[in-house]
Amino acid sequence: MFENEVIKDLLKKYKRLWALGHARALMGWDNEVNMPRGGSEERGIAIAEISTLSQEILLSPEFTSLVEKASKQEDLNDYEEGVVRVLNRDISIMKKIPPSLLYEISETSQRAFHAWRDAREKNDFSLFSKHLEKIVKLSIELAEKLGYEKEPYDALLDLFEEGLRTDDVVNIFSYLKPNMKKIVDKVLSEKYYYFDSPLEKERYDIEKMKQVNKEVLDLLEFPWDRGRLDISPHPFTNGLGLNDVRITTRYEGFDFKRSLFSVVHEFGHATYELQIDQNFKMTPLASGVSLGIHESQSRFWENIIGRSKQFTELIKPILDKHLGFTRNYDTEDIYRYFALVKPSPIRTEADELTYNFHILLRFELERLMLKGEININDLPELWNDKMEEYLGIRPKSYKEGILQDVHWSHADLGYFPTYTLGNIVAAQIREHLLGNNFNIYELVNEKRIRDIKEKLKELIHKYGSTYRPKDLLRKQLGEEYNPKYIIDYFEEKYVGH
């Protein structure tokens, strides 16, 4: 795929940057899965040092001159142009960030993660508030260094979703908010998908649930020689390379769908990374193009596939075999439990219909923080007020409210809107496949999971970071982010049952 000699030379030089990224990713995975808490200070310094070293190499005259030379090459193919685009973007961003700021953000976020974990366990926001205050201060400084069109949030959004702006997110929620509210109100009044399922409180043996998750991953043909499943406080996926992708879940001992759908969700992320073209190994193209596109893959598997009647039928024998108590319920009972619409204070446990209200809440709070329009200590109360406004519930603790997510401790302000983008794109992909006579639900019935994975590979995965997010969507789906399809999907599933 890479034929130009200058590009080949550039990729050889890039391998050192890839190796540092690989090491940083491994340290990040270990930080959340294995590392003793006492190691946070040294780990924070180590990651900060690697981050600044990567910046030095990326911005070295030797490397930037080679990227500049590659930029002037004629007749580059799409993949070679993709390499040049990604590196020029990285260089442009890193040139604007002082090494001292990059170091401070890296070190602060490592300390903040462990403070967040302690605060969450002890239900004490004060243990995290000073760390969050510093992260917001550093994020504002970062936005100022990067530059923005209208407001600081623009700069941070672009880091996670190239080309995304605050106005884009505002427009998306302006369409989603009233339409989702109508559907939610109808579902809550009809009570077919809104009820108290005894399965929510049914306790399970953790070792048996581990077997369920393993066999579901086997059914989905998760390649255990290239991936693994572990436990962490907050489920995540970490792609160390195209042949080493690690996912996690958590076990709470009740409401088994929480653990199950965390696994199916992270499987979607992992599948994206694992199905990127192997020719991109150790190159700038060897990752998903953006967090929004990445999230579309996890949401496609978790919701479009996972919460369907067909998937419920497929995995019920696994549930009956290991959990036992599911034998007392028929497939329709299990399906309705999976598809429950029940406002929850916890984002990761939210149903697919109310989920985007969680993102709207975080989006609005992040904008206020970055504009300096709110005191950090007022955040918990404002969070609870918005949760009550949007979903009619009020968190009973910090753990249920402001402390539930890990992202702010990682200094990831600007990340949350990509979750809603992912939901939107997942629905667009569903519409595209069904509209082109590719019936994903019949394939699930026939246990032809590999066919679905191959289709997604051809549609999205194999390209890695070759194209900009919006360009990829236009090329493969014919349009950019369009929230219409997710509303159509919700209406078909929840109103037209």
Protein backbone atom coordinates (compact mmCIF):
# COMPACT_ATOMS: atom_id res chain seq x y z
CA MET A 1 0.00 0.00 0.00
CA PHE A 2 2.97 2.29 0.52
CA GLU A 3 4.97 2.60 -2.69
CA ASN A 4 6.46 6.10 -2.49
CA GLU A 5 10.08 5.96 -1.26
CA VAL A 6 9.76 9.12 0.83
CA ILE A 7 6.68 7.68 2.55
CA LYS A 8 8.53 4.43 3.19
CA ASP A 9 11.41 6.35 4.77
CA LEU A 10 8.96 8.36 6.85
CA LEU A 11 7.27 5.22 8.16
CA LYS A 12 10.64 3.79 9.22
CA LYS A 13 11.30 6.93 11.24
CA TYR A 14 7.79 6.84 12.66
CA LYS A 15 8.31 3.40 14.20
CA ARG A 16 10.06 4.94 17.21
CA LEU A 17 7.03 7.12 17.89
CA TRP A 18 4.79 4.09 17.54
CA ALA A 19 6.93 2.19 20.06
CA LEU A 20 6.63 4.97 22.63
CA GLY A 21 2.87 5.05 22.09
CA HIS A 22 2.78 1.28 22.52
CA ALA A 23 4.64 1.55 25.84
CA ARG A 24 2.39 4.37 27.03
CA ALA A 25 -0.73 2.36 26.14
CA LEU A 26 0.55 -0.70 28.00
CA MET A 27 1.31 1.42 31.06
CA GLY A 28 -2.16 2.94 30.86
CA TRP A 29 -3.80 -0.49 30.70
CA ASP A 30 -1.71 -1.70 33.64
CA ASN A 31 -2.60 1.44 35.56
CA GLU A 32 -6.30 0.55 35.53
CA VAL A 33 -6.07 -3.25 35.73
CA ASN A 34 -3.05 -4.36 37.74
CA MET A 35 -0.95 -1.57 39.22
CA PRO A 36 -0.96 -1.09 43.01
CA ARG A 37 -2.28 2.32 43.97
CA GLY A 38 0.97 3.26 45.62
CA GLY A 39 2.67 3.31 42.24
CA SER A 40 0.61 6.21 40.87
CA GLU A 41 3.22 8.92 41.44
CA GLU A 42 6.05 7.08 39.67
CA ARG A 43 3.74 5.88 36.91
CA GLY A 44 2.50 9.43 36.38
CA ILE A 45 6.04 10.73 35.99
CA ALA A 46 7.01 7.86 33.67
CA ILE A 47 4.04 8.49 31.37
CA ALA A 48 4.67 12.24 31.42
CA GLU A 49 8.31 11.68 30.45
CA ILE A 50 7.30 9.37 27.58
CA SER A 51 4.70 11.90 26.41
CA THR A 52 7.20 14.73 26.27
CA LEU A 53 9.82 12.47 24.64
CA SER A 54 7.29 11.58 21.93
CA GLN A 55 6.65 15.27 21.41
CA GLU A 56 10.39 15.94 21.05
CA ILE A 57 10.79 13.23 18.41
CA LEU A 58 7.65 14.30 16.52
CA LEU A 59 8.81 17.93 16.41
CA SER A 60 12.48 17.23 15.72
CA PRO A 61 13.78 18.95 12.54
CA GLU A 62 14.77 15.56 11.16
CA PHE A 63 11.21 14.25 11.39
CA THR A 64 9.25 17.40 10.49
CA SER A 65 11.42 18.02 7.42
CA LEU A 66 10.69 14.49 6.23
CA VAL A 67 6.93 15.02 6.72
CA GLU A 68 7.23 18.30 4.82
CA LYS A 69 9.05 16.52 2.00
CA ALA A 70 6.36 13.83 1.93
CA SER A 71 3.67 16.52 1.76
CA LYS A 72 5.15 17.77 -1.50
CA GLN A 73 5.14 14.40 -3.20
CA GLU A 74 2.88 14.02 -6.20
CA ASP A 75 0.61 11.11 -7.12
CA LEU A 76 0.32 9.73 -3.60
CA ASN A 77 -2.38 7.09 -3.15
CA ASP A 78 -5.12 7.48 -0.53
CA TYR A 79 -3.16 5.62 2.14
CA GLU A 80 0.01 7.63 1.62
CA GLU A 81 -2.03 10.84 1.72
CA GLY A 82 -3.59 9.55 4.92
CA VAL A 83 -0.18 9.11 6.53
CA VAL A 84 0.81 12.66 5.58
CA ARG A 85 -2.51 14.09 6.82
CA VAL A 86 -2.35 12.35 10.21
CA LEU A 87 1.25 13.37 10.85
CA ASN A 88 0.74 16.96 9.73
CA ARG A 89 -2.22 17.18 12.10
CA ASP A 90 -0.20 15.69 14.98
CA ILE A 91 2.69 18.07 14.32
CA SER A 92 0.37 21.06 14.09
CA ILE A 93 -1.21 20.19 17.43
CA MET A 94 2.03 19.40 19.24
CA LYS A 95 3.77 22.54 18.01
CA LYS A 96 1.16 24.56 19.85
CA ILE A 97 1.48 22.73 23.17
CA PRO A 98 4.45 23.68 25.38
CA PRO A 99 6.27 20.56 26.63
CA SER A 100 5.79 21.77 30.21
CA LEU A 101 2.00 21.86 29.71
CA LEU A 102 1.95 18.40 28.15
CA TYR A 103 4.02 17.08 31.04
CA GLU A 104 1.79 18.71 33.64
CA ILE A 105 -1.41 17.37 32.04
CA SER A 106 0.03 13.84 31.90
CA GLU A 107 1.26 13.86 35.48
CA THR A 108 -1.88 15.56 36.84
CA SER A 109 -4.22 13.11 35.14
CA GLN A 110 -2.37 10.13 36.61
CA ARG A 111 -2.74 11.54 40.12
CA ALA A 112 -6.34 12.53 39.40
CA PHE A 113 -7.31 9.01 38.31
CA HIS A 114 -6.32 7.53 41.66
CA ALA A 115 -7.96 10.42 43.54
CA TRP A 116 -11.15 9.83 41.53
CA ARG A 117 -11.08 6.12 42.33
CA ASP A 118 -10.69 6.82 46.05
CA ALA A 119 -13.36 9.52 45.98
CA ARG A 120 -15.77 7.23 44.15
CA GLU A 121 -15.23 4.38 46.60
CA LYS A 122 -15.65 6.69 49.60
CA ASN A 123 -18.44 8.74 48.02
CA ASP A 124 -16.54 11.94 48.82
CA PHE A 125 -16.32 14.55 46.05
CA SER A 126 -13.91 16.68 48.09
CA LEU A 127 -11.18 14.07 47.53
CA PHE A 128 -11.38 14.73 43.78
CA SER A 129 -12.53 18.35 43.47
CA LYS A 130 -9.09 19.98 43.69
CA HIS A 131 -7.75 17.60 41.04
CA LEU A 132 -10.70 18.39 38.78
CA GLU A 133 -10.19 22.10 39.34
CA LYS A 134 -6.59 21.78 38.17
CA ILE A 135 -7.59 19.66 35.16
CA VAL A 136 -10.11 22.30 34.09
CA LYS A 137 -7.48 25.02 34.47
CA LEU A 138 -5.01 23.01 32.37
CA SER A 139 -7.71 22.24 29.78
CA ILE A 140 -8.52 25.93 29.39
CA GLU A 141 -4.81 26.64 28.96
CA LEU A 142 -4.58 23.85 26.40
CA ALA A 143 -7.53 25.25 24.43
CA GLU A 144 -5.94 28.69 24.39
CA LYS A 145 -2.68 27.24 23.04
CA LEU A 146 -4.48 25.23 20.36
CA GLY A 147 -6.69 28.11 19.31
CA TYR A 148 -10.38 27.98 18.50
CA GLU A 149 -13.02 29.57 16.32
CA LYS A 150 -15.76 30.57 18.78
CA GLU A 151 -15.16 29.08 22.23
CA PRO A 152 -12.55 26.96 24.05
CA TYR A 153 -14.67 23.84 23.71
CA ASP A 154 -14.11 23.87 19.92
CA ALA A 155 -10.40 23.18 20.40
CA LEU A 156 -10.93 20.21 22.72
CA LEU A 157 -13.71 18.66 20.65
CA ASP A 158 -11.40 18.67 17.63
CA LEU A 159 -8.79 16.64 19.53
CA PHE A 160 -11.23 13.75 19.86
CA GLU A 161 -13.25 14.16 16.67
CA GLU A 162 -11.39 15.91 13.88
CA GLY A 163 -13.50 18.71 12.45
CA LEU A 164 -16.20 18.62 15.15
CA ARG A 165 -17.28 21.99 16.57
CA THR A 166 -19.52 23.11 19.42
CA ASP A 167 -22.12 24.34 16.94
CA ASP A 168 -22.28 20.83 15.43
CA VAL A 169 -23.04 19.33 18.84
CA VAL A 170 -25.59 22.03 19.68
CA ASN A 171 -27.40 21.37 16.38
CA ILE A 172 -27.42 17.61 16.96
CA PHE A 173 -28.91 17.95 20.44
CA SER A 174 -31.40 20.55 19.23
CA TYR A 175 -32.85 17.81 17.02
CA LEU A 176 -32.41 14.88 19.40
CA LYS A 177 -33.67 16.40 22.64
CA PRO A 178 -37.34 17.07 21.72
CA ASN A 179 -37.66 13.93 19.58
CA MET A 180 -36.17 11.67 22.24
CA LYS A 181 -38.37 13.26 24.89
CA LYS A 182 -41.52 12.40 22.89
CA ILE A 183 -40.45 8.78 22.46
CA VAL A 184 -39.40 8.38 26.10
CA ASP A 185 -42.70 9.83 27.32
CA LYS A 186 -44.64 7.41 25.09
CA VAL A 187 -42.61 4.40 26.21
CA LEU A 188 -43.01 5.29 29.88
CA SER A 189 -46.77 5.63 29.46
CA GLU A 190 -47.20 2.34 27.54
CA LYS A 191 -45.08 0.37 30.06
CA TYR A 192 -44.15 -2.44 27.64
CA TYR A 193 -40.47 -1.55 27.88
CA TYR A 194 -40.82 0.32 31.17
CA PHE A 195 -41.36 -2.00 34.12
CA ASP A 196 -39.56 -3.54 37.08
CA SER A 197 -37.91 -6.71 35.87
CA PRO A 198 -37.00 -9.18 38.63
CA LEU A 199 -33.85 -9.88 36.61
CA GLU A 200 -32.51 -6.47 37.63
CA LYS A 201 -32.20 -7.67 41.22
CA GLU A 202 -31.36 -11.31 40.53
CA ARG A 203 -27.94 -12.00 42.02
CA TYR A 204 -25.36 -13.99 40.09
CA ASP A 205 -22.16 -15.84 40.93
CA ILE A 206 -19.26 -13.81 39.52
CA GLU A 207 -17.33 -16.88 38.36
CA LYS A 208 -20.36 -18.09 36.45
CA MET A 209 -20.86 -14.65 34.90
CA LYS A 210 -17.25 -14.77 33.74
CA GLN A 211 -18.10 -17.97 31.90
CA VAL A 212 -21.11 -16.30 30.29
CA ASN A 213 -18.96 -13.42 29.06
CA LYS A 214 -16.30 -15.78 27.73
CA GLU A 215 -18.78 -17.91 25.82
CA VAL A 216 -20.56 -14.87 24.38
CA LEU A 217 -17.17 -13.62 23.16
CA ASP A 218 -16.53 -17.09 21.72
CA LEU A 219 -19.85 -16.86 19.90
CA LEU A 220 -18.79 -13.46 18.55
CA GLU A 221 -15.49 -15.04 17.45
CA PHE A 222 -13.30 -12.86 19.62
CA PRO A 223 -9.70 -13.90 18.84
CA TRP A 224 -8.20 -14.84 22.20
CA ASP A 225 -4.72 -15.08 20.68
CA ARG A 226 -4.94 -11.36 19.86
CA GLY A 227 -7.04 -10.07 22.76
CA ARG A 228 -7.97 -10.58 26.39
CA LEU A 229 -10.73 -9.76 28.89
CA ASP A 230 -9.94 -8.34 32.33
CA ILE A 231 -11.64 -6.47 35.18
CA SER A 232 -11.45 -2.72 35.86
CA PRO A 233 -13.49 -0.12 37.80
CA HIS A 234 -14.65 1.39 34.50
CA PRO A 235 -14.91 -0.88 31.42
CA PHE A 236 -12.60 0.14 28.57
CA THR A 237 -10.70 -1.06 25.50
CA ASN A 238 -7.00 -0.54 24.95
CA GLY A 239 -5.47 -1.26 21.56
CA LEU A 240 -1.75 -1.80 22.04
CA GLY A 241 -1.39 -2.86 18.42
CA LEU A 242 -3.35 -4.49 15.63
CA ASN A 243 -2.74 -7.87 17.23
CA ASP A 244 -2.99 -6.97 20.91
CA VAL A 245 -6.33 -5.45 21.92
CA ARG A 246 -7.51 -5.69 25.52
CA ILE A 247 -10.99 -5.19 26.92
CA THR A 248 -12.39 -5.06 30.44
CA THR A 249 -15.70 -5.30 32.26
CA ARG A 250 -16.81 -5.18 35.88
CA TYR A 251 -18.90 -7.51 38.05
CA GLU A 252 -21.35 -6.17 40.62
CA GLY A 253 -23.11 -9.44 41.47
CA PHE A 254 -26.59 -8.40 40.28
CA ASP A 255 -28.38 -7.13 37.14
CA PHE A 256 -26.23 -9.29 34.88
CA LYS A 257 -26.88 -7.28 31.72
CA ARG A 258 -24.56 -4.56 33.04
CA SER A 259 -21.53 -6.81 32.85
CA LEU A 260 -22.71 -8.59 29.69
CA PHE A 261 -23.32 -5.46 27.64
CA SER A 262 -20.10 -3.88 28.83
CA VAL A 263 -18.37 -6.88 27.27
CA VAL A 264 -20.37 -6.68 24.02
CA HIS A 265 -19.74 -2.93 23.88
CA GLU A 266 -15.99 -3.27 24.32
CA PHE A 267 -15.99 -6.15 21.83
CA GLY A 268 -17.22 -3.63 19.25
CA HIS A 269 -14.29 -1.34 19.98
CA ALA A 270 -11.85 -4.24 19.89
CA THR A 271 -13.21 -5.58 16.60
CA TYR A 272 -12.60 -2.21 14.94
CA GLU A 273 -8.94 -2.23 16.00
CA LEU A 274 -8.45 -5.90 15.15
CA GLN A 275 -9.91 -5.52 11.65
CA ILE A 276 -7.79 -2.56 10.53
CA ASP A 277 -5.73 -3.55 7.50
CA GLN A 278 -2.61 -5.38 8.69
CA ASN A 279 -0.56 -3.39 6.16
CA PHE A 280 -1.05 -0.40 8.49
CA LYS A 281 0.73 -2.12 11.38
CA MET A 282 2.96 0.32 13.30
CA THR A 283 1.98 3.26 11.04
CA PRO A 284 -0.05 6.42 11.77
CA LEU A 285 -3.06 4.71 10.15
CA ALA A 286 -3.13 1.82 12.62
CA SER A 287 -5.99 3.07 14.78
CA GLY A 288 -9.63 4.05 14.53
CA VAL A 289 -10.06 7.42 12.85
CA SER A 290 -11.91 9.11 15.72
CA LEU A 291 -13.70 8.46 18.96
CA GLY A 292 -17.11 9.05 17.38
CA ILE A 293 -16.53 6.47 14.66
CA HIS A 294 -15.02 4.14 17.24
CA GLU A 295 -18.06 4.51 19.48
CA SER A 296 -20.34 3.73 16.55
CA GLN A 297 -18.80 0.28 16.38
CA SER A 298 -19.26 -0.48 20.07
CA ARG A 299 -22.81 0.88 20.02
CA PHE A 300 -23.63 -1.10 16.90
CA TRP A 301 -22.75 -4.35 18.64
CA GLU A 302 -24.14 -3.41 22.06
CA ASN A 303 -27.47 -1.96 20.94
CA ILE A 304 -28.27 -2.62 17.29
CA ILE A 305 -27.18 -6.27 17.55
CA GLY A 306 -26.95 -7.02 21.28
CA ARG A 307 -30.31 -5.69 22.39
CA SER A 308 -32.21 -7.32 19.53
CA LYS A 309 -34.60 -10.26 19.89
CA GLN A 310 -32.42 -12.30 17.56
CA PHE A 311 -29.32 -11.90 19.72
CA THR A 312 -31.34 -12.66 22.84
CA GLU A 313 -32.42 -15.95 21.30
CA LEU A 314 -28.85 -16.68 20.28
CA ILE A 315 -27.32 -16.30 23.73
CA LYS A 316 -30.16 -17.59 25.93
CA PRO A 317 -28.75 -21.15 26.02
CA ILE A 318 -25.46 -19.70 27.35
CA LEU A 319 -27.32 -17.77 30.04
CA ASP A 320 -29.39 -20.82 31.03
CA LYS A 321 -26.31 -23.03 31.14
CA HIS A 322 -24.31 -20.83 33.52
CA LEU A 323 -26.71 -18.55 35.39
CA GLY A 324 -29.53 -21.03 35.82
CA PHE A 325 -32.15 -18.53 36.98
CA THR A 326 -32.74 -17.38 33.39
CA ARG A 327 -34.42 -20.74 32.74
CA ASN A 328 -37.39 -19.32 34.63
CA TYR A 329 -37.87 -16.68 31.93
CA ASP A 330 -38.74 -17.05 28.26
CA THR A 331 -36.87 -15.29 25.45
CA GLU A 332 -39.37 -12.41 25.35
CA ASP A 333 -38.83 -11.79 29.09
CA ILE A 334 -35.07 -11.67 28.62
CA TYR A 335 -35.39 -9.45 25.54
CA ARG A 336 -37.60 -6.94 27.38
CA TYR A 337 -35.08 -6.96 30.25
CA PHE A 338 -32.29 -6.21 27.76
CA ALA A 339 -34.35 -3.48 26.06
CA LEU A 340 -35.72 -1.92 29.26
CA VAL A 341 -36.25 1.82 29.15
CA LYS A 342 -35.76 2.97 32.69
CA PRO A 343 -34.16 6.32 33.55
CA SER A 344 -30.98 5.60 35.50
CA PRO A 345 -28.51 7.96 37.15
CA ILE A 346 -25.60 5.86 35.80
CA ARG A 347 -24.54 6.52 32.20
CA THR A 348 -22.86 3.16 31.62
CA GLU A 349 -26.01 1.39 32.77
CA ALA A 350 -28.43 3.64 30.90
CA ASP A 351 -30.77 2.18 28.32
CA GLU A 352 -30.15 3.12 24.70
CA LEU A 353 -33.14 5.47 24.57
CA THR A 354 -32.27 7.69 27.54
CA TYR A 355 -28.48 7.41 27.13
CA ASN A 356 -28.05 10.58 25.08
CA PHE A 357 -29.56 12.70 27.86
CA HIS A 358 -26.54 11.68 29.95
CA ILE A 359 -24.26 13.03 27.24
CA LEU A 360 -26.25 16.25 26.91
CA LEU A 361 -25.82 16.83 30.65
CA ARG A 362 -22.04 16.37 30.48
CA PHE A 363 -21.75 18.48 27.33
CA GLU A 364 -23.49 21.40 29.00
CA LEU A 365 -21.39 21.15 32.17
CA GLU A 366 -18.13 20.92 30.24
CA ARG A 367 -18.98 24.07 28.28
CA LEU A 368 -19.64 25.90 31.56
CA MET A 369 -16.38 24.68 33.07
CA LEU A 370 -14.31 25.70 30.07
CA LYS A 371 -15.93 29.11 29.94
CA GLY A 372 -15.12 29.55 33.63
CA GLU A 373 -18.80 30.11 34.39
CA ILE A 374 -19.14 27.63 37.25
CA ASN A 375 -17.36 26.90 40.51
CA ILE A 376 -16.14 23.29 40.68
CA ASN A 377 -17.76 22.80 44.08
CA ASP A 378 -21.15 23.69 42.59
CA LEU A 379 -20.91 20.95 39.97
CA PRO A 380 -22.50 18.11 41.99
CA GLU A 381 -25.68 20.07 42.69
CA LEU A 382 -25.96 21.33 39.10
CA TRP A 383 -25.38 17.78 37.86
CA ASN A 384 -28.23 16.51 40.06
CA ASP A 385 -30.54 19.33 38.96
CA LYS A 386 -29.99 18.55 35.27
CA MET A 387 -30.47 14.83 35.84
CA GLU A 388 -33.78 15.58 37.48
CA GLU A 389 -34.78 17.92 34.65
CA TYR A 390 -33.91 15.49 31.84
CA LEU A 391 -34.76 12.10 33.34
CA GLY A 392 -36.91 12.83 36.38
CA ILE A 393 -34.47 11.23 38.82
CA ARG A 394 -32.00 12.63 41.31
CA PRO A 395 -28.73 10.84 42.18
CA LYS A 396 -28.60 9.71 45.80
CA SER A 397 -24.84 9.96 46.10
CA TYR A 398 -21.73 11.38 44.44
CA LYS A 399 -20.99 7.88 43.18
CA GLU A 400 -24.34 7.89 41.35
CA GLY A 401 -23.75 11.41 40.12
CA ILE A 402 -20.66 13.53 39.56
CA LEU A 403 -18.13 10.78 40.40
CA GLN A 404 -19.47 8.00 38.19
CA ASP A 405 -17.24 8.58 35.12
CA VAL A 406 -13.47 8.25 34.86
CA HIS A 407 -13.04 10.60 31.89
CA TRP A 408 -12.53 13.92 33.67
CA SER A 409 -9.78 12.38 35.78
CA HIS A 410 -8.01 11.56 32.50
CA ALA A 411 -8.35 15.24 31.44
CA ASP A 412 -10.66 14.15 28.63
CA LEU A 413 -12.93 17.19 28.46
CA GLY A 414 -14.48 17.21 24.99
CA TYR A 415 -14.70 13.42 24.87
CA PHE A 416 -18.33 12.86 25.89
CA PRO A 417 -20.10 14.21 22.76
CA THR A 418 -18.40 11.48 20.74
CA TYR A 419 -20.63 8.96 22.53
CA THR A 420 -23.72 10.53 21.00
CA LEU A 421 -21.97 10.72 17.63
CA GLY A 422 -21.33 6.99 17.98
CA ASN A 423 -25.00 6.29 18.65
CA ILE A 424 -25.97 8.34 15.61
CA VAL A 425 -23.48 6.66 13.27
CA ALA A 426 -24.42 3.18 14.54
CA ALA A 427 -28.01 3.87 13.49
CA GLN A 428 -26.79 5.22 10.13
CA ILE A 429 -24.82 2.03 9.55
CA ARG A 430 -27.88 -0.07 10.43
CA GLU A 431 -29.99 1.89 7.94
CA HIS A 432 -27.29 1.59 5.27
CA LEU A 433 -26.97 -2.18 5.68
CA LEU A 434 -30.70 -2.92 5.80
CA GLY A 435 -31.31 -0.52 2.91
CA ASN A 436 -28.79 -2.45 0.83
CA ASN A 437 -30.42 -5.82 1.50
CA PHE A 438 -27.88 -6.87 4.11
CA ASN A 439 -30.19 -8.19 6.82
CA ILE A 440 -28.10 -8.22 9.97
CA TYR A 441 -30.91 -9.77 12.02
CA GLU A 442 -31.30 -12.77 9.72
CA LEU A 443 -27.54 -13.27 9.92
CA VAL A 444 -27.69 -13.27 13.74
CA ASN A 445 -30.49 -15.85 13.56
CA GLU A 446 -28.26 -18.00 11.36
CA LYS A 447 -25.23 -17.50 13.66
CA ARG A 448 -23.36 -15.86 10.78
CA ILE A 449 -21.58 -13.35 13.00
CA ARG A 450 -18.47 -13.48 10.83
CA ASP A 451 -20.44 -12.13 7.86
CA ILE A 452 -21.45 -9.06 9.87
CA LYS A 453 -17.89 -8.51 11.04
CA GLU A 454 -16.58 -8.78 7.48
CA LYS A 455 -19.17 -6.29 6.26
CA LEU A 456 -18.17 -3.78 8.93
CA LYS A 457 -14.53 -4.36 8.05
CA GLU A 458 -15.18 -3.45 4.42
CA LEU A 459 -17.39 -0.51 5.36
CA ILE A 460 -15.35 1.10 8.16
CA HIS A 461 -12.65 -0.91 9.90
CA LYS A 462 -10.04 -1.68 7.26
CA TYR A 463 -9.37 1.99 6.52
CA GLY A 464 -8.04 2.79 9.99
CA SER A 465 -7.24 6.51 10.06
CA THR A 466 -6.86 6.88 6.29
CA TYR A 467 -9.75 9.35 5.91
CA ARG A 468 -11.10 12.16 8.08
CA PRO A 469 -14.23 11.10 10.01
CA LYS A 470 -16.66 13.16 7.94
CA ASP A 471 -14.93 12.13 4.71
CA LEU A 472 -15.18 8.44 5.65
CA LEU A 473 -18.89 8.78 6.36
CA ARG A 474 -19.55 10.57 3.07
CA LYS A 475 -17.51 7.99 1.17
CA GLN A 476 -19.08 4.91 2.78
CA LEU A 477 -22.54 6.02 3.93
CA GLY A 478 -23.22 8.93 1.60
CA GLU A 479 -23.59 11.62 4.28
CA GLU A 480 -22.11 13.02 7.49
CA TYR A 481 -23.57 12.64 11.00
CA ASN A 482 -27.36 12.53 10.62
CA PRO A 483 -29.41 12.16 13.84
CA LYS A 484 -32.57 11.37 11.89
CA TYR A 485 -31.69 7.67 11.65
CA ILE A 486 -31.39 7.09 15.37
CA ILE A 487 -34.80 8.66 15.95
CA ASP A 488 -36.22 6.44 13.17
CA TYR A 489 -34.62 3.41 14.84
CA PHE A 490 -36.04 4.32 18.26
CA GLU A 491 -39.51 4.86 16.84
CA GLU A 492 -39.44 1.56 14.97
CA LYS A 493 -38.22 -0.40 17.97
CA TYR A 494 -39.94 1.26 20.90
CA VAL A 495 -43.07 2.82 19.44
CA GLY A 496 -43.90 0.38 16.67
CA HIS A 497 -43.47 -2.87 18.66
